[in-house]
PDB file of N, CA and C in Angstrom:
ATOM      1  N   UNK A   1     -54.525  -8.712 -40.551  1.00  0.00           N
ATOM      2  CA  UNK A   1     -54.969  -8.972 -39.208  1.00  0.00           C
ATOM      3  C   UNK A   1     -56.025  -7.979 -38.767  1.00  0.00           C
ATOM      4  N   UNK A   2     -56.237  -6.928 -39.516  1.00  0.00           N
ATOM      5  CA  UNK A   2     -57.254  -5.918 -39.238  1.00  0.00           C
ATOM      6  C   UNK A   2     -57.081  -5.257 -37.874  1.00  0.00           C
ATOM      7  N   UNK A   3     -55.847  -5.036 -37.458  1.00  0.00           N
ATOM      8  CA  UNK A   3     -55.580  -4.323 -36.214  1.00  0.00           C
ATOM      9  C   UNK A   3     -55.203  -2.887 -36.560  1.00  0.00           C
ATOM     10  N   UNK A   4     -55.586  -1.973 -35.685  1.00  0.00           N
ATOM     11  CA  UNK A   4     -55.353  -0.559 -35.949  1.00  0.00           C
ATOM     12  C   UNK A   4     -54.591   0.080 -34.798  1.00  0.00           C
ATOM     13  N   UNK A   5     -53.785   1.071 -35.140  1.00  0.00           N
ATOM     14  CA  UNK A   5     -53.105   1.912 -34.161  1.00  0.00           C
ATOM     15  C   UNK A   5     -53.648   3.322 -34.325  1.00  0.00           C
ATOM     16  N   UNK A   6     -53.872   4.002 -33.212  1.00  0.00           N
ATOM     17  CA  UNK A   6     -54.331   5.381 -33.245  1.00  0.00           C
ATOM     18  C   UNK A   6     -53.252   6.259 -32.625  1.00  0.00           C
ATOM     19  N   UNK A   7     -52.787   7.226 -33.406  1.00  0.00           N
ATOM     20  CA  UNK A   7     -51.727   8.126 -32.970  1.00  0.00           C
ATOM     21  C   UNK A   7     -52.326   9.431 -32.460  1.00  0.00           C
ATOM     22  N   UNK A   8     -51.649  10.030 -31.502  1.00  0.00           N
ATOM     23  CA  UNK A   8     -52.018  11.339 -30.969  1.00  0.00           C
ATOM     24  C   UNK A   8     -50.844  12.276 -31.239  1.00  0.00           C
ATOM     25  N   UNK A   9     -50.839  12.907 -32.432  1.00  0.00           N
ATOM     26  CA  UNK A   9     -49.681  13.701 -32.841  1.00  0.00           C
ATOM     27  C   UNK A   9     -49.407  14.917 -31.953  1.00  0.00           C
ATOM     28  N   UNK A  10     -50.400  15.382 -31.200  1.00  0.00           N
ATOM     29  CA  UNK A  10     -50.201  16.548 -30.334  1.00  0.00           C
ATOM     30  C   UNK A  10     -49.544  16.182 -29.006  1.00  0.00           C
ATOM     31  N   UNK A  11     -49.168  14.927 -28.833  1.00  0.00           N
ATOM     32  CA  UNK A  11     -48.571  14.458 -27.579  1.00  0.00           C
ATOM     33  C   UNK A  11     -47.316  15.252 -27.241  1.00  0.00           C
ATOM     34  N   UNK A  12     -47.192  15.617 -25.972  1.00  0.00           N
ATOM     35  CA  UNK A  12     -45.985  16.288 -25.492  1.00  0.00           C
ATOM     36  C   UNK A  12     -44.989  15.272 -24.938  1.00  0.00           C
ATOM     37  N   UNK A  13     -45.327  14.014 -25.036  1.00  0.00           N
ATOM     38  CA  UNK A  13     -44.469  12.918 -24.576  1.00  0.00           C
ATOM     39  C   UNK A  13     -43.756  12.314 -25.782  1.00  0.00           C
ATOM     40  N   UNK A  14     -42.810  11.436 -25.536  1.00  0.00           N
ATOM     41  CA  UNK A  14     -42.122  10.751 -26.628  1.00  0.00           C
ATOM     42  C   UNK A  14     -43.071   9.834 -27.385  1.00  0.00           C
ATOM     43  N   UNK A  15     -44.037   9.277 -26.685  1.00  0.00           N
ATOM     44  CA  UNK A  15     -45.007   8.366 -27.309  1.00  0.00           C
ATOM     45  C   UNK A  15     -46.091   9.171 -28.007  1.00  0.00           C
ATOM     46  N   UNK A  16     -46.488   8.702 -29.188  1.00  0.00           N
ATOM     47  CA  UNK A  16     -47.636   9.297 -29.869  1.00  0.00           C
ATOM     48  C   UNK A  16     -48.715   8.262 -30.145  1.00  0.00           C
ATOM     49  N   UNK A  17     -48.436   6.978 -29.899  1.00  0.00           N
ATOM     50  CA  UNK A  17     -49.431   5.931 -30.142  1.00  0.00           C
ATOM     51  C   UNK A  17     -50.323   5.840 -28.910  1.00  0.00           C
ATOM     52  N   UNK A  18     -51.556   6.295 -29.054  1.00  0.00           N
ATOM     53  CA  UNK A  18     -52.532   6.314 -27.972  1.00  0.00           C
ATOM     54  C   UNK A  18     -53.146   4.933 -27.773  1.00  0.00           C
ATOM     55  N   UNK A  19     -53.530   4.293 -28.875  1.00  0.00           N
ATOM     56  CA  UNK A  19     -54.123   2.948 -28.852  1.00  0.00           C
ATOM     57  C   UNK A  19     -53.370   2.106 -29.867  1.00  0.00           C
ATOM     58  N   UNK A  20     -52.974   0.897 -29.463  1.00  0.00           N
ATOM     59  CA  UNK A  20     -52.261   0.036 -30.408  1.00  0.00           C
ATOM     60  C   UNK A  20     -52.947  -1.319 -30.507  1.00  0.00           C
ATOM     61  N   UNK A  21     -52.822  -1.921 -31.675  1.00  0.00           N
ATOM     62  CA  UNK A  21     -53.322  -3.270 -31.975  1.00  0.00           C
ATOM     63  C   UNK A  21     -54.819  -3.424 -31.701  1.00  0.00           C
ATOM     64  N   UNK A  22     -55.603  -2.371 -31.928  1.00  0.00           N
ATOM     65  CA  UNK A  22     -57.049  -2.466 -31.712  1.00  0.00           C
ATOM     66  C   UNK A  22     -57.653  -3.360 -32.787  1.00  0.00           C
ATOM     67  N   UNK A  23     -58.332  -4.397 -32.348  1.00  0.00           N
ATOM     68  CA  UNK A  23     -58.894  -5.414 -33.239  1.00  0.00           C
ATOM     69  C   UNK A  23     -60.415  -5.345 -33.157  1.00  0.00           C
ATOM     70  N   UNK A  24     -61.124  -5.669 -34.245  1.00  0.00           N
ATOM     71  CA  UNK A  24     -62.591  -5.648 -34.214  1.00  0.00           C
ATOM     72  C   UNK A  24     -63.207  -6.530 -33.124  1.00  0.00           C
ATOM     73  N   UNK A  25     -62.479  -7.527 -32.629  1.00  0.00           N
ATOM     74  CA  UNK A  25     -63.029  -8.387 -31.574  1.00  0.00           C
ATOM     75  C   UNK A  25     -62.976  -7.718 -30.199  1.00  0.00           C
ATOM     76  N   UNK A  26     -62.425  -6.505 -30.115  1.00  0.00           N
ATOM     77  CA  UNK A  26     -62.376  -5.766 -28.858  1.00  0.00           C
ATOM     78  C   UNK A  26     -61.031  -5.792 -28.166  1.00  0.00           C
ATOM     79  N   UNK A  27     -60.111  -6.588 -28.655  1.00  0.00           N
ATOM     80  CA  UNK A  27     -58.797  -6.637 -28.032  1.00  0.00           C
ATOM     81  C   UNK A  27     -57.970  -5.436 -28.484  1.00  0.00           C
ATOM     82  N   UNK A  28     -57.122  -4.954 -27.622  1.00  0.00           N
ATOM     83  CA  UNK A  28     -56.258  -3.835 -27.954  1.00  0.00           C
ATOM     84  C   UNK A  28     -55.596  -3.312 -26.695  1.00  0.00           C
ATOM     85  N   UNK A  29     -54.797  -2.263 -26.853  1.00  0.00           N
ATOM     86  CA  UNK A  29     -54.035  -1.710 -25.742  1.00  0.00           C
ATOM     87  C   UNK A  29     -54.117  -0.190 -25.774  1.00  0.00           C
ATOM     88  N   UNK A  30     -54.264   0.427 -24.592  1.00  0.00           N
ATOM     89  CA  UNK A  30     -54.283   1.884 -24.447  1.00  0.00           C
ATOM     90  C   UNK A  30     -53.055   2.283 -23.639  1.00  0.00           C
ATOM     91  N   UNK A  31     -52.389   3.356 -24.070  1.00  0.00           N
ATOM     92  CA  UNK A  31     -51.200   3.851 -23.370  1.00  0.00           C
ATOM     93  C   UNK A  31     -51.607   4.360 -21.991  1.00  0.00           C
ATOM     94  N   UNK A  32     -51.050   3.769 -20.940  1.00  0.00           N
ATOM     95  CA  UNK A  32     -51.473   4.118 -19.582  1.00  0.00           C
ATOM     96  C   UNK A  32     -50.354   3.951 -18.557  1.00  0.00           C
ATOM     97  N   UNK A  33     -49.190   4.570 -18.757  1.00  0.00           N
ATOM     98  CA  UNK A  33     -48.103   4.391 -17.794  1.00  0.00           C
ATOM     99  C   UNK A  33     -48.434   4.962 -16.416  1.00  0.00           C
ATOM    100  N   UNK A  34     -49.394   5.875 -16.345  1.00  0.00           N
ATOM    101  CA  UNK A  34     -49.814   6.473 -15.083  1.00  0.00           C
ATOM    102  C   UNK A  34     -50.562   5.469 -14.205  1.00  0.00           C
ATOM    103  N   UNK A  35     -50.930   4.291 -14.741  1.00  0.00           N
ATOM    104  CA  UNK A  35     -51.632   3.256 -13.979  1.00  0.00           C
ATOM    105  C   UNK A  35     -50.687   2.216 -13.392  1.00  0.00           C
ATOM    106  N   UNK A  36     -49.394   2.446 -13.502  1.00  0.00           N
ATOM    107  CA  UNK A  36     -48.424   1.467 -13.003  1.00  0.00           C
ATOM    108  C   UNK A  36     -48.700   1.176 -11.532  1.00  0.00           C
ATOM    109  N   UNK A  37     -48.808  -0.101 -11.212  1.00  0.00           N
ATOM    110  CA  UNK A  37     -49.126  -0.526  -9.856  1.00  0.00           C
ATOM    111  C   UNK A  37     -50.606  -0.756  -9.636  1.00  0.00           C
ATOM    112  N   UNK A  38     -51.460  -0.159 -10.475  1.00  0.00           N
ATOM    113  CA  UNK A  38     -52.909  -0.342 -10.363  1.00  0.00           C
ATOM    114  C   UNK A  38     -53.416  -1.370 -11.363  1.00  0.00           C
ATOM    115  N   UNK A  39     -52.818  -1.422 -12.523  1.00  0.00           N
ATOM    116  CA  UNK A  39     -53.214  -2.329 -13.601  1.00  0.00           C
ATOM    117  C   UNK A  39     -51.967  -3.049 -14.112  1.00  0.00           C
ATOM    118  N   UNK A  40     -52.186  -4.164 -14.784  1.00  0.00           N
ATOM    119  CA  UNK A  40     -51.077  -4.888 -15.410  1.00  0.00           C
ATOM    120  C   UNK A  40     -50.757  -4.201 -16.734  1.00  0.00           C
ATOM    121  N   UNK A  41     -49.529  -3.724 -16.860  1.00  0.00           N
ATOM    122  CA  UNK A  41     -49.092  -3.024 -18.066  1.00  0.00           C
ATOM    123  C   UNK A  41     -48.051  -3.861 -18.785  1.00  0.00           C
ATOM    124  N   UNK A  42     -47.984  -3.687 -20.123  1.00  0.00           N
ATOM    125  CA  UNK A  42     -46.895  -4.340 -20.845  1.00  0.00           C
ATOM    126  C   UNK A  42     -45.625  -3.509 -20.655  1.00  0.00           C
ATOM    127  N   UNK A  43     -44.527  -3.952 -21.229  1.00  0.00           N
ATOM    128  CA  UNK A  43     -43.237  -3.286 -21.000  1.00  0.00           C
ATOM    129  C   UNK A  43     -43.186  -1.864 -21.540  1.00  0.00           C
ATOM    130  N   UNK A  44     -44.109  -1.499 -22.441  1.00  0.00           N
ATOM    131  CA  UNK A  44     -44.131  -0.152 -23.010  1.00  0.00           C
ATOM    132  C   UNK A  44     -45.128   0.767 -22.305  1.00  0.00           C
ATOM    133  N   UNK A  45     -45.842   0.245 -21.299  1.00  0.00           N
ATOM    134  CA  UNK A  45     -46.786   1.074 -20.553  1.00  0.00           C
ATOM    135  C   UNK A  45     -48.213   1.029 -21.061  1.00  0.00           C
ATOM    136  N   UNK A  46     -48.577  -0.007 -21.797  1.00  0.00           N
ATOM    137  CA  UNK A  46     -49.936  -0.141 -22.329  1.00  0.00           C
ATOM    138  C   UNK A  46     -50.737  -1.137 -21.501  1.00  0.00           C
ATOM    139  N   UNK A  47     -52.032  -0.862 -21.342  1.00  0.00           N
ATOM    140  CA  UNK A  47     -52.938  -1.749 -20.622  1.00  0.00           C
ATOM    141  C   UNK A  47     -53.879  -2.417 -21.630  1.00  0.00           C
ATOM    142  N   UNK A  48     -54.147  -3.709 -21.430  1.00  0.00           N
ATOM    143  CA  UNK A  48     -55.044  -4.454 -22.316  1.00  0.00           C
ATOM    144  C   UNK A  48     -56.483  -4.062 -22.010  1.00  0.00           C
ATOM    145  N   UNK A  49     -57.291  -3.849 -23.061  1.00  0.00           N
ATOM    146  CA  UNK A  49     -58.674  -3.403 -22.881  1.00  0.00           C
ATOM    147  C   UNK A  49     -59.698  -4.429 -23.349  1.00  0.00           C
ATOM    148  N   UNK A  50     -59.285  -5.671 -23.530  1.00  0.00           N
ATOM    149  CA  UNK A  50     -60.192  -6.700 -24.049  1.00  0.00           C
ATOM    150  C   UNK A  50     -61.439  -6.855 -23.186  1.00  0.00           C
ATOM    151  N   UNK A  51     -61.293  -6.817 -21.873  1.00  0.00           N
ATOM    152  CA  UNK A  51     -62.435  -7.011 -20.980  1.00  0.00           C
ATOM    153  C   UNK A  51     -62.994  -5.695 -20.442  1.00  0.00           C
ATOM    154  N   UNK A  52     -62.531  -4.566 -20.945  1.00  0.00           N
ATOM    155  CA  UNK A  52     -62.999  -3.264 -20.464  1.00  0.00           C
ATOM    156  C   UNK A  52     -64.393  -2.961 -21.000  1.00  0.00           C
ATOM    157  N   UNK A  53     -65.202  -2.320 -20.171  1.00  0.00           N
ATOM    158  CA  UNK A  53     -66.513  -1.857 -20.621  1.00  0.00           C
ATOM    159  C   UNK A  53     -66.316  -0.626 -21.502  1.00  0.00           C
ATOM    160  N   UNK A  54     -67.370  -0.220 -22.176  1.00  0.00           N
ATOM    161  CA  UNK A  54     -67.291   0.976 -23.014  1.00  0.00           C
ATOM    162  C   UNK A  54     -66.916   2.192 -22.169  1.00  0.00           C
ATOM    163  N   UNK A  55     -67.554   2.331 -20.992  1.00  0.00           N
ATOM    164  CA  UNK A  55     -67.255   3.466 -20.119  1.00  0.00           C
ATOM    165  C   UNK A  55     -65.802   3.449 -19.654  1.00  0.00           C
ATOM    166  N   UNK A  56     -65.301   2.270 -19.311  1.00  0.00           N
ATOM    167  CA  UNK A  56     -63.910   2.148 -18.861  1.00  0.00           C
ATOM    168  C   UNK A  56     -62.948   2.491 -20.000  1.00  0.00           C
ATOM    169  N   UNK A  57     -63.265   2.050 -21.211  1.00  0.00           N
ATOM    170  CA  UNK A  57     -62.426   2.354 -22.370  1.00  0.00           C
ATOM    171  C   UNK A  57     -62.382   3.858 -22.622  1.00  0.00           C
ATOM    172  N   UNK A  58     -63.532   4.503 -22.567  1.00  0.00           N
ATOM    173  CA  UNK A  58     -63.586   5.958 -22.750  1.00  0.00           C
ATOM    174  C   UNK A  58     -62.760   6.653 -21.673  1.00  0.00           C
ATOM    175  N   UNK A  59     -62.909   6.207 -20.428  1.00  0.00           N
ATOM    176  CA  UNK A  59     -62.153   6.786 -19.320  1.00  0.00           C
ATOM    177  C   UNK A  59     -60.649   6.623 -19.531  1.00  0.00           C
ATOM    178  N   UNK A  60     -60.213   5.430 -19.932  1.00  0.00           N
ATOM    179  CA  UNK A  60     -58.788   5.187 -20.170  1.00  0.00           C
ATOM    180  C   UNK A  60     -58.245   6.088 -21.274  1.00  0.00           C
ATOM    181  N   UNK A  61     -59.007   6.236 -22.358  1.00  0.00           N
ATOM    182  CA  UNK A  61     -58.556   7.074 -23.476  1.00  0.00           C
ATOM    183  C   UNK A  61     -58.487   8.539 -23.053  1.00  0.00           C
ATOM    184  N   UNK A  62     -59.501   9.020 -22.313  1.00  0.00           N
ATOM    185  CA  UNK A  62     -59.480  10.408 -21.845  1.00  0.00           C
ATOM    186  C   UNK A  62     -58.289  10.656 -20.922  1.00  0.00           C
ATOM    187  N   UNK A  63     -58.024   9.710 -20.023  1.00  0.00           N
ATOM    188  CA  UNK A  63     -56.883   9.853 -19.115  1.00  0.00           C
ATOM    189  C   UNK A  63     -55.563   9.802 -19.881  1.00  0.00           C
ATOM    190  N   UNK A  64     -55.489   8.958 -20.890  1.00  0.00           N
ATOM    191  CA  UNK A  64     -54.269   8.863 -21.693  1.00  0.00           C
ATOM    192  C   UNK A  64     -54.012  10.162 -22.446  1.00  0.00           C
ATOM    193  N   UNK A  65     -55.059  10.756 -23.000  1.00  0.00           N
ATOM    194  CA  UNK A  65     -54.903  12.034 -23.706  1.00  0.00           C
ATOM    195  C   UNK A  65     -54.442  13.114 -22.732  1.00  0.00           C
ATOM    196  N   UNK A  66     -55.048  13.154 -21.549  1.00  0.00           N
ATOM    197  CA  UNK A  66     -54.634  14.125 -20.532  1.00  0.00           C
ATOM    198  C   UNK A  66     -53.164  13.932 -20.177  1.00  0.00           C
ATOM    199  N   UNK A  67     -52.761  12.680 -20.004  1.00  0.00           N
ATOM    200  CA  UNK A  67     -51.365  12.372 -19.686  1.00  0.00           C
ATOM    201  C   UNK A  67     -50.446  12.799 -20.826  1.00  0.00           C
ATOM    202  N   UNK A  68     -50.835  12.518 -22.055  1.00  0.00           N
ATOM    203  CA  UNK A  68     -49.996  12.845 -23.213  1.00  0.00           C
ATOM    204  C   UNK A  68     -49.962  14.346 -23.484  1.00  0.00           C
ATOM    205  N   UNK A  69     -50.965  15.087 -22.996  1.00  0.00           N
ATOM    206  CA  UNK A  69     -50.986  16.540 -23.149  1.00  0.00           C
ATOM    207  C   UNK A  69     -50.033  17.241 -22.181  1.00  0.00           C
ATOM    208  N   UNK A  70     -49.594  16.524 -21.155  1.00  0.00           N
ATOM    209  CA  UNK A  70     -48.701  17.140 -20.176  1.00  0.00           C
ATOM    210  C   UNK A  70     -47.256  16.739 -20.473  1.00  0.00           C
ATOM    211  N   UNK A  71     -46.353  17.581 -20.046  1.00  0.00           N
ATOM    212  CA  UNK A  71     -44.946  17.260 -20.272  1.00  0.00           C
ATOM    213  C   UNK A  71     -44.241  16.897 -18.968  1.00  0.00           C
ATOM    214  N   UNK A  72     -45.012  16.743 -17.914  1.00  0.00           N
ATOM    215  CA  UNK A  72     -44.441  16.382 -16.618  1.00  0.00           C
ATOM    216  C   UNK A  72     -45.329  15.359 -15.946  1.00  0.00           C
ATOM    217  N   UNK A  73     -45.819  15.726 -14.812  1.00  0.00           N
ATOM    218  CA  UNK A  73     -46.715  14.843 -14.076  1.00  0.00           C
ATOM    219  C   UNK A  73     -48.014  14.671 -14.861  1.00  0.00           C
ATOM    220  N   UNK A  74     -48.734  13.604 -14.539  1.00  0.00           N
ATOM    221  CA  UNK A  74     -49.991  13.326 -15.233  1.00  0.00           C
ATOM    222  C   UNK A  74     -50.971  14.485 -15.069  1.00  0.00           C
ATOM    223  N   UNK A  75     -51.005  15.086 -13.886  1.00  0.00           N
ATOM    224  CA  UNK A  75     -51.904  16.206 -13.626  1.00  0.00           C
ATOM    225  C   UNK A  75     -51.120  17.296 -12.917  1.00  0.00           C
ATOM    226  N   UNK A  76     -51.430  18.520 -13.222  1.00  0.00           N
ATOM    227  CA  UNK A  76     -50.773  19.660 -12.605  1.00  0.00           C
ATOM    228  C   UNK A  76     -51.695  20.245 -11.537  1.00  0.00           C
ATOM    229  N   UNK A  77     -51.127  20.846 -10.507  1.00  0.00           N
ATOM    230  CA  UNK A  77     -51.927  21.472  -9.468  1.00  0.00           C
ATOM    231  C   UNK A  77     -52.796  22.557 -10.091  1.00  0.00           C
ATOM    232  N   UNK A  78     -54.066  22.558  -9.729  1.00  0.00           N
ATOM    233  CA  UNK A  78     -55.015  23.519 -10.282  1.00  0.00           C
ATOM    234  C   UNK A  78     -55.819  22.981 -11.448  1.00  0.00           C
ATOM    235  N   UNK A  79     -55.431  21.825 -12.008  1.00  0.00           N
ATOM    236  CA  UNK A  79     -56.198  21.219 -13.103  1.00  0.00           C
ATOM    237  C   UNK A  79     -57.574  20.807 -12.604  1.00  0.00           C
ATOM    238  N   UNK A  80     -58.594  21.071 -13.396  1.00  0.00           N
ATOM    239  CA  UNK A  80     -59.958  20.658 -13.083  1.00  0.00           C
ATOM    240  C   UNK A  80     -60.538  19.988 -14.315  1.00  0.00           C
ATOM    241  N   UNK A  81     -61.152  18.824 -14.105  1.00  0.00           N
ATOM    242  CA  UNK A  81     -61.768  18.082 -15.196  1.00  0.00           C
ATOM    243  C   UNK A  81     -63.191  17.726 -14.801  1.00  0.00           C
ATOM    244  N   UNK A  82     -64.118  17.879 -15.736  1.00  0.00           N
ATOM    245  CA  UNK A  82     -65.515  17.535 -15.491  1.00  0.00           C
ATOM    246  C   UNK A  82     -65.916  16.475 -16.507  1.00  0.00           C
ATOM    247  N   UNK A  83     -66.456  15.370 -15.998  1.00  0.00           N
ATOM    248  CA  UNK A  83     -66.912  14.272 -16.841  1.00  0.00           C
ATOM    249  C   UNK A  83     -68.403  14.086 -16.616  1.00  0.00           C
ATOM    250  N   UNK A  84     -69.129  13.777 -17.696  1.00  0.00           N
ATOM    251  CA  UNK A  84     -70.566  13.545 -17.597  1.00  0.00           C
ATOM    252  C   UNK A  84     -70.895  12.230 -18.277  1.00  0.00           C
ATOM    253  N   UNK A  85     -71.684  11.381 -17.591  1.00  0.00           N
ATOM    254  CA  UNK A  85     -72.080  10.114 -18.198  1.00  0.00           C
ATOM    255  C   UNK A  85     -73.405  10.276 -18.933  1.00  0.00           C
ATOM    256  N   UNK A  86     -73.890   9.198 -19.532  1.00  0.00           N
ATOM    257  CA  UNK A  86     -75.124   9.246 -20.317  1.00  0.00           C
ATOM    258  C   UNK A  86     -76.347   9.592 -19.480  1.00  0.00           C
ATOM    259  N   UNK A  87     -76.289   9.337 -18.173  1.00  0.00           N
ATOM    260  CA  UNK A  87     -77.410   9.642 -17.277  1.00  0.00           C
ATOM    261  C   UNK A  87     -77.376  11.097 -16.813  1.00  0.00           C
ATOM    262  N   UNK A  88     -76.388  11.850 -17.242  1.00  0.00           N
ATOM    263  CA  UNK A  88     -76.284  13.252 -16.876  1.00  0.00           C
ATOM    264  C   UNK A  88     -75.572  13.504 -15.561  1.00  0.00           C
ATOM    265  N   UNK A  89     -75.055  12.455 -14.933  1.00  0.00           N
ATOM    266  CA  UNK A  89     -74.332  12.618 -13.678  1.00  0.00           C
ATOM    267  C   UNK A  89     -72.962  13.225 -13.961  1.00  0.00           C
ATOM    268  N   UNK A  90     -72.538  14.136 -13.096  1.00  0.00           N
ATOM    269  CA  UNK A  90     -71.264  14.829 -13.276  1.00  0.00           C
ATOM    270  C   UNK A  90     -70.238  14.355 -12.259  1.00  0.00           C
ATOM    271  N   UNK A  91     -69.014  14.269 -12.706  1.00  0.00           N
ATOM    272  CA  UNK A  91     -67.879  13.998 -11.829  1.00  0.00           C
ATOM    273  C   UNK A  91     -66.869  15.108 -12.084  1.00  0.00           C
ATOM    274  N   UNK A  92     -66.520  15.837 -11.028  1.00  0.00           N
ATOM    275  CA  UNK A  92     -65.558  16.926 -11.147  1.00  0.00           C
ATOM    276  C   UNK A  92     -64.329  16.555 -10.332  1.00  0.00           C
ATOM    277  N   UNK A  93     -63.169  16.592 -10.968  1.00  0.00           N
ATOM    278  CA  UNK A  93     -61.919  16.309 -10.272  1.00  0.00           C
ATOM    279  C   UNK A  93     -61.053  17.559 -10.287  1.00  0.00           C
ATOM    280  N   UNK A  94     -60.489  17.868  -9.140  1.00  0.00           N
ATOM    281  CA  UNK A  94     -59.611  19.032  -9.002  1.00  0.00           C
ATOM    282  C   UNK A  94     -58.289  18.573  -8.411  1.00  0.00           C
ATOM    283  N   UNK A  95     -57.197  19.084  -8.937  1.00  0.00           N
ATOM    284  CA  UNK A  95     -55.873  18.712  -8.452  1.00  0.00           C
ATOM    285  C   UNK A  95     -55.161  19.918  -7.901  1.00  0.00           C
TER     286      UNK A  95
END
């Protein structure tokens, strides 16, 4: 079926599968339990990325890694993240 799973072995969560069932046609799922209520998730906390743009996919993966790097809340007070797009625009988030 040519589907791939990508594991994140450094995860501090029980889950280590960051992306599951990624298919060359663009269909797949990213672990995103922190999006509950904002996006439609499957029973394991994954969001479908078939219609996601490249930027949205990158954002979801970065957020999933951040979530998997924590052992509690998705973000801790004092966390600061800086993101830069291809146009050089910066987005800084502080918690």
